[in-house]
Structures are given as structure tokens and as C-alpha cells.
């Protein structure tokens, strides 16, 4: 035993979490659109953040400016606001890591109609689409970035570039082409 307390996970557990194991099979096999992965990209000294939301099938990405407002209440409200631009049919689930910024997941579900599932601790491959996209985002915003100094216009410009970038996984189509085609079909 270790002196001075408990071992292992230092973060508090999020109440009423639904495990990734409880996600519908259609999420894992990407057969249906509307299933998203989310994360925070932290800036310099971990004081600021950028929210990243990626649709698993189309790779469509939404960047959510957070600046230094990365607490659970701020993240829930900002993510819910970002999803208001997405048709209901394309908002089914969100898979997230166990970061405390998603501790208001139950209210997020009420706000958006999206069920939140949580990946296992220290298992980034369970949100591989998001991890890959975060790598692309870091080309624009390196680790030293202070997101409180980045304008919303600049963040949205990077979002447009990411969604206008042909992807091998999409047979060289661009995420915005695939996503917008789906949106047009839903209207």
C-alpha cells in the first residue's frame, strides 16, 4: 500500500456515467450518422481550452471557443449552443473521456437530446476520430496557444479549413461535402 491515501485515479468519478460499453452498436460501426466524439484541447499552462466535437462518420468538426471558461457549466452551455446549428437527426450521442468538464452530462442531454457515453480512463483509442482530429487541430494551435487570445473568427476559420480538407477515410471527399449532403437530405 502507498502512504497517504488512495492509489490510481485522482479525479473524482462523474455521477451516473454511461459507459462506452452501453453505446448502441451503430456508433461503433459508423453505420449511422449523428454520433459525435468530444474533447478539450488545453492551451498554455492548461489555463485555457478549445472544445472539439467530431461526427464519427463524416468527420465533420465543430470547434467551440472556451478561452478560460472550461468549467463544467461553461462547457455544457457552449457545447449545447454549438449543437443548436445541427439538425436533430444528426445529434444522437456524444462519446467523451472522463474529464470533469463533462460532469453536467445529464443537463447536456436534457438541453440537446444527445445521450453522453464515457470512454474508459486513459483509453484515447476509444475516441480515435476525435484524437486524430485533435492532432490536425494542433497544426493550427500548438500546445503553447493561449486560447483566450484567439478570436472566434480565427477558430471558425480553422474549423472551415478542417471541414474543407479531403480525407482518405471519406474516399477523398471533404467532411463538409459529406455532412452538408446529409443535412440537405434531412430537410
N, C-alpha and C. Protein backbone atom coordinates (compact mmCIF):
# COMPACT_ATOMS: atom_id res chain seq x y z
N UNK A 1 0.83 -1.20 0.00
CA UNK A 1 0.00 0.00 0.00
C UNK A 1 0.87 1.25 0.00
N UNK A 2 0.30 2.31 -0.54
CA UNK A 2 1.00 3.59 -0.54
C UNK A 2 0.66 4.37 0.70
N UNK A 3 1.61 5.15 1.17
CA UNK A 3 1.33 6.03 2.31
C UNK A 3 0.49 7.21 1.83
N UNK A 4 -0.36 7.67 2.71
CA UNK A 4 -1.02 8.94 2.45
C UNK A 4 -2.26 8.89 1.59
N UNK A 5 -2.84 7.74 1.36
CA UNK A 5 -4.11 7.81 0.66
C UNK A 5 -4.30 6.77 -0.42
N UNK A 6 -5.28 7.04 -1.24
CA UNK A 6 -5.66 6.05 -2.24
C UNK A 6 -4.74 6.07 -3.45
N UNK A 7 -4.77 4.99 -4.18
CA UNK A 7 -3.95 4.87 -5.38
C UNK A 7 -4.82 5.01 -6.61
N UNK A 8 -4.17 5.14 -7.75
CA UNK A 8 -4.90 5.11 -9.02
C UNK A 8 -5.49 6.46 -9.40
N UNK A 9 -6.70 6.41 -9.87
CA UNK A 9 -7.38 7.58 -10.44
C UNK A 9 -7.50 8.70 -9.41
N UNK A 10 -7.05 9.87 -9.78
CA UNK A 10 -7.09 11.01 -8.86
C UNK A 10 -8.33 11.87 -9.06
N UNK A 11 -8.91 11.82 -10.24
CA UNK A 11 -10.11 12.63 -10.48
C UNK A 11 -11.30 11.97 -9.81
N UNK A 12 -12.25 12.80 -9.40
CA UNK A 12 -13.48 12.25 -8.86
C UNK A 12 -14.29 11.61 -9.98
N UNK A 13 -15.05 10.62 -9.64
CA UNK A 13 -15.90 9.97 -10.64
C UNK A 13 -17.09 10.87 -10.97
N UNK A 14 -17.48 10.82 -12.22
CA UNK A 14 -18.64 11.58 -12.67
C UNK A 14 -19.89 10.77 -12.34
N UNK A 15 -20.86 11.42 -11.72
CA UNK A 15 -22.08 10.74 -11.30
C UNK A 15 -22.89 10.24 -12.49
N UNK A 16 -23.45 9.06 -12.37
CA UNK A 16 -24.40 8.50 -13.34
C UNK A 16 -23.84 8.39 -14.76
N UNK A 17 -22.57 8.04 -14.86
CA UNK A 17 -21.96 7.88 -16.18
C UNK A 17 -22.50 6.65 -16.89
N UNK A 18 -22.71 6.78 -18.19
CA UNK A 18 -23.00 5.63 -19.03
C UNK A 18 -21.69 5.24 -19.72
N UNK A 19 -21.29 4.00 -19.57
CA UNK A 19 -20.04 3.53 -20.14
C UNK A 19 -20.16 3.40 -21.66
N UNK A 20 -19.04 3.55 -22.32
CA UNK A 20 -18.94 3.34 -23.76
C UNK A 20 -19.46 1.95 -24.14
N UNK A 21 -19.36 1.01 -23.23
CA UNK A 21 -19.84 -0.36 -23.49
C UNK A 21 -21.35 -0.41 -23.67
N UNK A 22 -22.05 0.62 -23.20
CA UNK A 22 -23.51 0.67 -23.32
C UNK A 22 -23.98 1.39 -24.59
N UNK A 23 -23.03 1.89 -25.37
CA UNK A 23 -23.38 2.59 -26.61
C UNK A 23 -24.01 1.62 -27.60
N UNK A 24 -24.95 2.11 -28.42
CA UNK A 24 -25.52 1.25 -29.46
C UNK A 24 -24.44 0.80 -30.46
N UNK A 25 -24.60 -0.39 -31.02
CA UNK A 25 -23.62 -0.94 -31.97
C UNK A 25 -23.42 -0.03 -33.17
N UNK A 26 -24.47 0.68 -33.58
CA UNK A 26 -24.37 1.56 -34.75
C UNK A 26 -23.33 2.66 -34.57
N UNK A 27 -22.98 2.99 -33.32
CA UNK A 27 -21.96 4.01 -33.08
C UNK A 27 -20.60 3.44 -33.45
N UNK A 28 -20.32 2.25 -32.98
CA UNK A 28 -19.01 1.63 -33.21
C UNK A 28 -18.75 1.36 -34.68
N UNK A 29 -19.76 0.90 -35.40
CA UNK A 29 -19.52 0.52 -36.80
C UNK A 29 -19.75 1.67 -37.79
N UNK A 30 -20.07 2.86 -37.28
CA UNK A 30 -20.23 4.07 -38.11
C UNK A 30 -21.29 3.91 -39.21
N UNK A 31 -22.27 3.04 -38.96
CA UNK A 31 -23.30 2.80 -39.98
C UNK A 31 -24.36 3.90 -40.01
N UNK A 32 -24.43 4.70 -38.96
CA UNK A 32 -25.44 5.75 -38.85
C UNK A 32 -24.74 7.04 -38.45
N UNK A 33 -25.12 8.14 -39.08
CA UNK A 33 -24.54 9.43 -38.72
C UNK A 33 -25.24 10.02 -37.50
N UNK A 34 -24.61 10.99 -36.89
CA UNK A 34 -25.20 11.67 -35.74
C UNK A 34 -24.55 11.31 -34.42
N UNK A 35 -23.50 10.51 -34.49
CA UNK A 35 -22.78 10.11 -33.28
C UNK A 35 -21.46 10.87 -33.25
N UNK A 36 -21.22 11.57 -32.17
CA UNK A 36 -20.12 12.53 -32.04
C UNK A 36 -19.13 12.08 -30.97
N UNK A 37 -17.90 12.56 -31.10
CA UNK A 37 -16.89 12.41 -30.07
C UNK A 37 -16.46 13.82 -29.66
N UNK A 38 -16.17 14.01 -28.39
CA UNK A 38 -15.79 15.32 -27.91
C UNK A 38 -14.58 15.29 -27.00
N UNK A 39 -13.95 16.46 -26.88
CA UNK A 39 -12.75 16.58 -26.06
C UNK A 39 -12.45 18.06 -25.84
N UNK A 40 -11.50 18.31 -24.95
CA UNK A 40 -10.92 19.64 -24.78
C UNK A 40 -9.48 19.59 -25.24
N UNK A 41 -9.06 20.61 -25.95
CA UNK A 41 -7.63 20.81 -26.22
C UNK A 41 -7.21 21.93 -25.27
N UNK A 42 -6.25 21.64 -24.43
CA UNK A 42 -5.80 22.63 -23.45
C UNK A 42 -4.69 23.50 -24.03
N UNK A 43 -4.71 24.75 -23.62
CA UNK A 43 -3.70 25.70 -24.06
C UNK A 43 -2.55 25.80 -23.08
N UNK A 44 -1.80 26.87 -23.23
CA UNK A 44 -0.61 27.11 -22.42
C UNK A 44 -0.92 27.03 -20.93
N UNK A 45 -0.10 26.28 -20.21
CA UNK A 45 -0.24 26.06 -18.76
C UNK A 45 -1.59 25.46 -18.37
N UNK A 46 -2.31 24.89 -19.34
CA UNK A 46 -3.62 24.28 -19.12
C UNK A 46 -4.64 25.26 -18.55
N UNK A 47 -4.43 26.54 -18.84
CA UNK A 47 -5.32 27.58 -18.29
C UNK A 47 -6.48 27.91 -19.23
N UNK A 48 -6.32 27.62 -20.51
CA UNK A 48 -7.37 27.92 -21.48
C UNK A 48 -7.65 26.66 -22.30
N UNK A 49 -8.77 26.67 -23.02
CA UNK A 49 -9.14 25.46 -23.75
C UNK A 49 -9.96 25.78 -24.99
N UNK A 50 -9.97 24.80 -25.88
CA UNK A 50 -10.79 24.80 -27.08
C UNK A 50 -11.56 23.49 -27.07
N UNK A 51 -12.87 23.57 -27.22
CA UNK A 51 -13.68 22.35 -27.30
C UNK A 51 -13.66 21.81 -28.72
N UNK A 52 -13.57 20.48 -28.84
CA UNK A 52 -13.59 19.84 -30.16
C UNK A 52 -14.70 18.80 -30.20
N UNK A 53 -15.53 18.87 -31.22
CA UNK A 53 -16.63 17.94 -31.42
C UNK A 53 -16.52 17.42 -32.85
N UNK A 54 -16.50 16.09 -33.01
CA UNK A 54 -16.29 15.49 -34.33
C UNK A 54 -17.35 14.42 -34.56
N UNK A 55 -18.03 14.51 -35.70
CA UNK A 55 -19.02 13.49 -36.06
C UNK A 55 -18.26 12.27 -36.59
N UNK A 56 -18.56 11.09 -36.07
CA UNK A 56 -17.75 9.91 -36.33
C UNK A 56 -17.77 9.44 -37.79
N UNK A 57 -18.89 9.55 -38.47
CA UNK A 57 -18.99 9.02 -39.83
C UNK A 57 -18.45 10.00 -40.87
N UNK A 58 -18.83 11.27 -40.74
CA UNK A 58 -18.46 12.27 -41.76
C UNK A 58 -17.16 13.00 -41.44
N UNK A 59 -16.69 12.88 -40.20
CA UNK A 59 -15.50 13.60 -39.69
C UNK A 59 -15.74 15.12 -39.61
N UNK A 60 -17.01 15.52 -39.72
CA UNK A 60 -17.32 16.94 -39.61
C UNK A 60 -16.95 17.43 -38.20
N UNK A 61 -16.29 18.57 -38.13
CA UNK A 61 -15.73 19.07 -36.88
C UNK A 61 -16.34 20.41 -36.51
N UNK A 62 -16.67 20.55 -35.23
CA UNK A 62 -17.10 21.83 -34.66
C UNK A 62 -16.07 22.21 -33.61
N UNK A 63 -15.52 23.41 -33.74
CA UNK A 63 -14.60 23.93 -32.73
C UNK A 63 -15.36 24.90 -31.85
N UNK A 64 -15.23 24.73 -30.55
CA UNK A 64 -16.00 25.52 -29.59
C UNK A 64 -15.05 26.41 -28.78
N UNK A 65 -15.07 27.72 -29.04
CA UNK A 65 -14.21 28.63 -28.28
C UNK A 65 -14.61 28.64 -26.81
N UNK A 66 -13.65 28.38 -25.93
CA UNK A 66 -13.92 28.38 -24.50
C UNK A 66 -13.06 29.39 -23.75
N UNK A 67 -11.88 29.72 -24.29
CA UNK A 67 -10.96 30.61 -23.57
C UNK A 67 -10.63 30.02 -22.21
N UNK A 68 -10.80 30.83 -21.16
CA UNK A 68 -10.51 30.30 -19.82
C UNK A 68 -11.78 29.80 -19.12
N UNK A 69 -12.88 29.69 -19.85
CA UNK A 69 -14.15 29.20 -19.30
C UNK A 69 -14.29 27.70 -19.58
N UNK A 70 -13.52 26.88 -18.87
CA UNK A 70 -13.50 25.45 -19.14
C UNK A 70 -14.10 24.62 -18.01
N UNK A 71 -14.85 25.26 -17.13
CA UNK A 71 -15.57 24.55 -16.07
C UNK A 71 -16.77 23.82 -16.67
N UNK A 72 -17.34 22.90 -15.91
CA UNK A 72 -18.42 22.05 -16.41
C UNK A 72 -19.64 22.84 -16.91
N UNK A 73 -20.04 23.86 -16.18
CA UNK A 73 -21.20 24.65 -16.57
C UNK A 73 -20.95 25.37 -17.89
N UNK A 74 -19.78 26.00 -18.02
CA UNK A 74 -19.44 26.72 -19.25
C UNK A 74 -19.34 25.78 -20.45
N UNK A 75 -18.71 24.63 -20.25
CA UNK A 75 -18.54 23.67 -21.34
C UNK A 75 -19.90 23.13 -21.78
N UNK A 76 -20.74 22.76 -20.82
CA UNK A 76 -22.08 22.25 -21.16
C UNK A 76 -22.85 23.27 -22.00
N UNK A 77 -22.86 24.52 -21.55
CA UNK A 77 -23.60 25.56 -22.27
C UNK A 77 -23.02 25.81 -23.66
N UNK A 78 -21.69 25.86 -23.76
CA UNK A 78 -21.05 26.13 -25.05
C UNK A 78 -21.28 24.98 -26.03
N UNK A 79 -21.17 23.75 -25.56
CA UNK A 79 -21.40 22.59 -26.44
C UNK A 79 -22.87 22.55 -26.88
N UNK A 80 -23.78 22.77 -25.95
CA UNK A 80 -25.20 22.76 -26.31
C UNK A 80 -25.50 23.84 -27.34
N UNK A 81 -24.92 25.01 -27.17
CA UNK A 81 -25.10 26.09 -28.14
C UNK A 81 -24.55 25.69 -29.51
N UNK A 82 -23.37 25.07 -29.53
CA UNK A 82 -22.76 24.65 -30.79
C UNK A 82 -23.64 23.63 -31.51
N UNK A 83 -24.27 22.75 -30.78
CA UNK A 83 -25.11 21.72 -31.40
C UNK A 83 -26.45 22.26 -31.89
N UNK A 84 -26.83 23.46 -31.49
CA UNK A 84 -28.10 24.04 -31.96
C UNK A 84 -28.09 24.24 -33.47
N UNK A 85 -26.91 24.34 -34.07
CA UNK A 85 -26.82 24.55 -35.52
C UNK A 85 -26.94 23.23 -36.29
N UNK A 86 -26.99 22.12 -35.57
CA UNK A 86 -27.02 20.79 -36.19
C UNK A 86 -28.45 20.24 -36.14
N UNK A 87 -28.98 19.73 -37.27
CA UNK A 87 -30.33 19.16 -37.26
C UNK A 87 -30.46 18.03 -36.23
N UNK A 88 -31.64 17.91 -35.64
CA UNK A 88 -31.90 16.89 -34.61
C UNK A 88 -31.48 15.49 -35.06
N UNK A 89 -31.73 15.15 -36.31
CA UNK A 89 -31.44 13.80 -36.82
C UNK A 89 -29.95 13.50 -36.80
N UNK A 90 -29.13 14.54 -36.75
CA UNK A 90 -27.68 14.36 -36.76
C UNK A 90 -27.07 14.64 -35.39
N UNK A 91 -27.93 14.58 -34.35
CA UNK A 91 -27.49 14.75 -32.96
C UNK A 91 -28.02 13.58 -32.15
N UNK A 92 -27.27 12.50 -32.10
CA UNK A 92 -27.74 11.31 -31.38
C UNK A 92 -26.97 11.06 -30.09
N UNK A 93 -25.65 10.89 -30.19
CA UNK A 93 -24.86 10.61 -29.00
C UNK A 93 -23.56 11.42 -29.03
N UNK A 94 -22.96 11.53 -27.86
CA UNK A 94 -21.64 12.14 -27.70
C UNK A 94 -20.81 11.19 -26.83
N UNK A 95 -19.65 10.79 -27.33
CA UNK A 95 -18.72 9.98 -26.54
C UNK A 95 -17.61 10.90 -26.07
N UNK A 96 -17.31 10.83 -24.77
CA UNK A 96 -16.38 11.76 -24.16
C UNK A 96 -15.45 10.99 -23.23
N UNK A 97 -14.30 11.59 -22.91
CA UNK A 97 -13.46 10.97 -21.89
C UNK A 97 -14.07 11.32 -20.52
N UNK A 98 -13.41 10.94 -19.46
CA UNK A 98 -13.99 11.17 -18.14
C UNK A 98 -13.51 12.48 -17.51
N UNK A 99 -13.24 13.47 -18.35
CA UNK A 99 -12.86 14.79 -17.85
C UNK A 99 -14.00 15.44 -17.09
N UNK A 100 -13.67 16.12 -15.99
CA UNK A 100 -14.71 16.70 -15.13
C UNK A 100 -15.51 17.79 -15.82
N UNK A 101 -15.00 18.30 -16.95
CA UNK A 101 -15.77 19.32 -17.67
C UNK A 101 -17.08 18.78 -18.24
N UNK A 102 -17.23 17.44 -18.26
CA UNK A 102 -18.48 16.85 -18.75
C UNK A 102 -19.33 16.31 -17.60
N UNK A 103 -19.07 16.79 -16.38
CA UNK A 103 -19.83 16.30 -15.23
C UNK A 103 -21.30 16.73 -15.26
N UNK A 104 -21.65 17.71 -16.08
CA UNK A 104 -23.07 18.11 -16.22
C UNK A 104 -23.72 17.43 -17.43
N UNK A 105 -23.28 16.20 -17.70
CA UNK A 105 -23.77 15.47 -18.88
C UNK A 105 -25.27 15.25 -18.85
N UNK A 106 -25.87 15.08 -17.68
CA UNK A 106 -27.32 14.85 -17.62
C UNK A 106 -28.08 16.10 -18.10
N UNK A 107 -27.64 17.27 -17.68
CA UNK A 107 -28.27 18.51 -18.15
C UNK A 107 -27.99 18.72 -19.63
N UNK A 108 -26.79 18.35 -20.09
CA UNK A 108 -26.46 18.44 -21.51
C UNK A 108 -27.43 17.59 -22.33
N UNK A 109 -27.73 16.39 -21.83
CA UNK A 109 -28.69 15.51 -22.53
C UNK A 109 -30.07 16.16 -22.57
N UNK A 110 -30.48 16.78 -21.49
CA UNK A 110 -31.78 17.48 -21.46
C UNK A 110 -31.76 18.64 -22.47
N UNK A 111 -30.65 19.38 -22.51
CA UNK A 111 -30.53 20.54 -23.39
C UNK A 111 -30.51 20.17 -24.87
N UNK A 112 -29.91 19.02 -25.20
CA UNK A 112 -29.65 18.69 -26.61
C UNK A 112 -30.38 17.45 -27.12
N UNK A 113 -30.84 16.60 -26.21
CA UNK A 113 -31.41 15.32 -26.63
C UNK A 113 -30.34 14.27 -26.95
N UNK A 114 -29.09 14.60 -26.70
CA UNK A 114 -27.98 13.70 -27.01
C UNK A 114 -27.55 12.94 -25.77
N UNK A 115 -27.50 11.62 -25.87
CA UNK A 115 -27.02 10.80 -24.77
C UNK A 115 -25.50 10.84 -24.75
N UNK A 116 -24.91 10.98 -23.56
CA UNK A 116 -23.46 11.02 -23.41
C UNK A 116 -22.96 9.68 -22.89
N UNK A 117 -21.95 9.14 -23.57
CA UNK A 117 -21.28 7.92 -23.14
C UNK A 117 -19.83 8.27 -22.82
N UNK A 118 -19.28 7.58 -21.82
CA UNK A 118 -17.93 7.88 -21.37
C UNK A 118 -16.97 6.75 -21.69
N UNK A 119 -15.84 7.12 -22.29
CA UNK A 119 -14.79 6.15 -22.57
C UNK A 119 -14.12 5.75 -21.25
N UNK A 120 -13.40 4.64 -21.32
CA UNK A 120 -12.64 4.20 -20.15
C UNK A 120 -11.49 5.17 -19.89
N UNK A 121 -11.06 5.30 -18.62
CA UNK A 121 -9.92 6.18 -18.32
C UNK A 121 -8.67 5.75 -19.11
N UNK A 122 -7.94 6.74 -19.55
CA UNK A 122 -6.66 6.51 -20.26
C UNK A 122 -6.82 5.57 -21.45
N UNK A 123 -7.91 5.75 -22.21
CA UNK A 123 -8.18 4.92 -23.40
C UNK A 123 -8.52 5.80 -24.60
N UNK A 124 -7.56 6.60 -25.07
CA UNK A 124 -7.86 7.55 -26.15
C UNK A 124 -8.30 6.87 -27.45
N UNK A 125 -7.91 5.60 -27.66
CA UNK A 125 -8.31 4.91 -28.88
C UNK A 125 -9.82 4.70 -28.95
N UNK A 126 -10.51 4.80 -27.83
CA UNK A 126 -11.96 4.66 -27.84
C UNK A 126 -12.65 5.89 -28.43
N UNK A 127 -11.89 6.95 -28.61
CA UNK A 127 -12.38 8.16 -29.27
C UNK A 127 -11.37 8.53 -30.35
N UNK A 128 -11.04 7.57 -31.18
CA UNK A 128 -9.96 7.73 -32.15
C UNK A 128 -10.20 8.82 -33.18
N UNK A 129 -11.44 8.98 -33.61
CA UNK A 129 -11.75 10.04 -34.58
C UNK A 129 -11.40 11.40 -33.99
N UNK A 130 -11.78 11.61 -32.73
CA UNK A 130 -11.51 12.88 -32.07
C UNK A 130 -10.01 13.06 -31.83
N UNK A 131 -9.33 12.01 -31.41
CA UNK A 131 -7.88 12.12 -31.16
C UNK A 131 -7.14 12.46 -32.45
N UNK A 132 -7.53 11.84 -33.56
CA UNK A 132 -6.91 12.14 -34.85
C UNK A 132 -7.17 13.59 -35.24
N UNK A 133 -8.41 14.04 -35.06
CA UNK A 133 -8.76 15.42 -35.40
C UNK A 133 -8.00 16.41 -34.51
N UNK A 134 -7.85 16.07 -33.23
CA UNK A 134 -7.09 16.95 -32.34
C UNK A 134 -5.66 17.13 -32.85
N UNK A 135 -5.10 16.07 -33.40
CA UNK A 135 -3.76 16.17 -33.99
C UNK A 135 -3.73 17.15 -35.15
N UNK A 136 -4.77 17.13 -35.99
CA UNK A 136 -4.87 18.09 -37.09
C UNK A 136 -5.03 19.52 -36.56
N UNK A 137 -5.82 19.67 -35.50
CA UNK A 137 -6.06 21.00 -34.92
C UNK A 137 -4.76 21.57 -34.35
N UNK A 138 -3.92 20.72 -33.79
CA UNK A 138 -2.65 21.17 -33.21
C UNK A 138 -1.71 21.74 -34.28
N UNK A 139 -1.95 21.43 -35.55
CA UNK A 139 -1.16 22.06 -36.61
C UNK A 139 -1.43 23.56 -36.67
N UNK A 140 -2.61 23.96 -36.25
CA UNK A 140 -3.00 25.37 -36.25
C UNK A 140 -2.80 26.02 -34.88
N UNK A 141 -3.04 25.24 -33.83
CA UNK A 141 -2.95 25.75 -32.46
C UNK A 141 -2.02 24.86 -31.64
N UNK A 142 -0.72 25.16 -31.65
CA UNK A 142 0.23 24.33 -30.88
C UNK A 142 -0.03 24.41 -29.37
N UNK A 143 0.64 23.56 -28.62
CA UNK A 143 0.42 23.44 -27.18
C UNK A 143 0.59 24.76 -26.42
N UNK A 144 1.41 25.65 -26.92
CA UNK A 144 1.66 26.92 -26.23
C UNK A 144 0.55 27.95 -26.45
N UNK A 145 -0.47 27.61 -27.23
CA UNK A 145 -1.53 28.55 -27.57
C UNK A 145 -2.28 29.00 -26.32
N UNK A 146 -2.53 30.30 -26.24
CA UNK A 146 -3.40 30.85 -25.21
C UNK A 146 -4.75 31.11 -25.90
N UNK A 147 -5.71 30.21 -25.68
CA UNK A 147 -6.98 30.30 -26.40
C UNK A 147 -7.80 31.54 -26.02
N UNK A 148 -7.45 32.19 -24.92
CA UNK A 148 -8.16 33.43 -24.58
C UNK A 148 -7.72 34.57 -25.49
N UNK A 149 -6.62 34.36 -26.23
CA UNK A 149 -6.11 35.39 -27.15
C UNK A 149 -6.46 35.10 -28.61
N UNK A 150 -7.18 34.01 -28.86
CA UNK A 150 -7.54 33.63 -30.22
C UNK A 150 -8.99 34.05 -30.46
N UNK A 151 -9.22 34.78 -31.53
CA UNK A 151 -10.58 35.27 -31.81
C UNK A 151 -11.48 34.13 -32.28
N UNK A 152 -12.77 34.31 -32.06
CA UNK A 152 -13.75 33.34 -32.54
C UNK A 152 -13.67 33.21 -34.06
N UNK A 153 -13.42 34.33 -34.75
CA UNK A 153 -13.28 34.28 -36.21
C UNK A 153 -12.12 33.38 -36.63
N UNK A 154 -10.99 33.47 -35.93
CA UNK A 154 -9.84 32.63 -36.26
C UNK A 154 -10.14 31.15 -35.99
N UNK A 155 -10.83 30.88 -34.89
CA UNK A 155 -11.21 29.49 -34.56
C UNK A 155 -12.14 28.95 -35.64
N UNK A 156 -13.12 29.74 -36.06
CA UNK A 156 -14.07 29.28 -37.07
C UNK A 156 -13.38 29.13 -38.44
N UNK A 157 -12.36 29.93 -38.71
CA UNK A 157 -11.60 29.79 -39.96
C UNK A 157 -10.89 28.42 -39.96
N UNK A 158 -10.30 28.05 -38.83
CA UNK A 158 -9.64 26.74 -38.73
C UNK A 158 -10.68 25.63 -38.87
N UNK A 159 -11.85 25.80 -38.28
CA UNK A 159 -12.93 24.82 -38.42
C UNK A 159 -13.28 24.63 -39.91
N UNK A 160 -13.40 25.75 -40.63
CA UNK A 160 -13.71 25.66 -42.07
C UNK A 160 -12.60 24.93 -42.81
N UNK A 161 -11.34 25.21 -42.49
CA UNK A 161 -10.22 24.53 -43.15
C UNK A 161 -10.25 23.02 -42.89
N UNK A 162 -10.51 22.64 -41.65
CA UNK A 162 -10.58 21.22 -41.31
C UNK A 162 -11.70 20.51 -42.07
N UNK A 163 -12.85 21.17 -42.16
CA UNK A 163 -14.00 20.57 -42.82
C UNK A 163 -13.91 20.64 -44.34
N UNK A 164 -12.94 21.40 -44.85
CA UNK A 164 -12.72 21.53 -46.30
C UNK A 164 -11.48 20.74 -46.74
N UNK A 165 -11.00 19.87 -45.89
CA UNK A 165 -9.78 19.10 -46.15
C UNK A 165 -10.17 17.68 -46.57
N UNK A 166 -9.82 17.27 -47.79
CA UNK A 166 -10.17 15.91 -48.22
C UNK A 166 -9.60 14.87 -47.26
N UNK A 167 -10.38 13.82 -47.00
CA UNK A 167 -9.95 12.78 -46.06
C UNK A 167 -9.92 11.43 -46.74
N UNK A 168 -8.86 10.72 -46.52
CA UNK A 168 -8.71 9.38 -47.07
C UNK A 168 -9.87 8.48 -46.62
N UNK A 169 -10.26 8.61 -45.35
CA UNK A 169 -11.35 7.79 -44.80
C UNK A 169 -12.69 8.07 -45.48
N UNK A 170 -12.78 9.21 -46.18
CA UNK A 170 -14.01 9.60 -46.88
C UNK A 170 -13.84 9.48 -48.40
N UNK A 171 -12.92 8.63 -48.83
CA UNK A 171 -12.62 8.47 -50.26
C UNK A 171 -12.29 9.81 -50.91
N UNK A 172 -11.51 10.60 -50.22
CA UNK A 172 -11.03 11.92 -50.67
C UNK A 172 -12.11 12.99 -50.73
N UNK A 173 -13.30 12.67 -50.22
CA UNK A 173 -14.30 13.72 -50.07
C UNK A 173 -13.93 14.56 -48.86
N UNK A 174 -14.52 15.74 -48.78
CA UNK A 174 -14.30 16.64 -47.66
C UNK A 174 -15.42 16.44 -46.64
N UNK A 175 -15.11 16.56 -45.34
CA UNK A 175 -16.17 16.41 -44.35
C UNK A 175 -17.38 17.30 -44.59
N UNK A 176 -17.15 18.56 -45.00
CA UNK A 176 -18.30 19.45 -45.21
C UNK A 176 -19.16 18.99 -46.39
N UNK A 177 -18.55 18.38 -47.41
CA UNK A 177 -19.33 17.86 -48.54
C UNK A 177 -20.24 16.73 -48.07
N UNK A 178 -19.68 15.80 -47.32
CA UNK A 178 -20.44 14.64 -46.85
C UNK A 178 -21.51 15.08 -45.86
N UNK A 179 -21.15 15.93 -44.93
CA UNK A 179 -22.08 16.39 -43.90
C UNK A 179 -23.20 17.23 -44.50
N UNK A 180 -22.85 18.17 -45.36
CA UNK A 180 -23.87 19.03 -45.96
C UNK A 180 -24.85 18.26 -46.84
N UNK A 181 -24.36 17.21 -47.47
CA UNK A 181 -25.24 16.35 -48.25
C UNK A 181 -26.28 15.68 -47.32
N UNK A 182 -25.83 15.24 -46.17
CA UNK A 182 -26.74 14.63 -45.19
C UNK A 182 -27.74 15.65 -44.67
N UNK A 183 -27.25 16.86 -44.36
CA UNK A 183 -28.14 17.91 -43.88
C UNK A 183 -29.20 18.22 -44.93
N UNK A 184 -28.81 18.30 -46.19
CA UNK A 184 -29.78 18.57 -47.27
C UNK A 184 -30.84 17.47 -47.36
N UNK A 185 -30.43 16.24 -47.12
CA UNK A 185 -31.37 15.12 -47.18
C UNK A 185 -32.34 15.13 -46.00
N UNK A 186 -31.92 15.72 -44.88
CA UNK A 186 -32.75 15.72 -43.66
C UNK A 186 -33.81 16.82 -43.67
N UNK A 187 -33.59 17.82 -44.53
CA UNK A 187 -34.50 18.98 -44.51
C UNK A 187 -35.76 18.68 -45.29
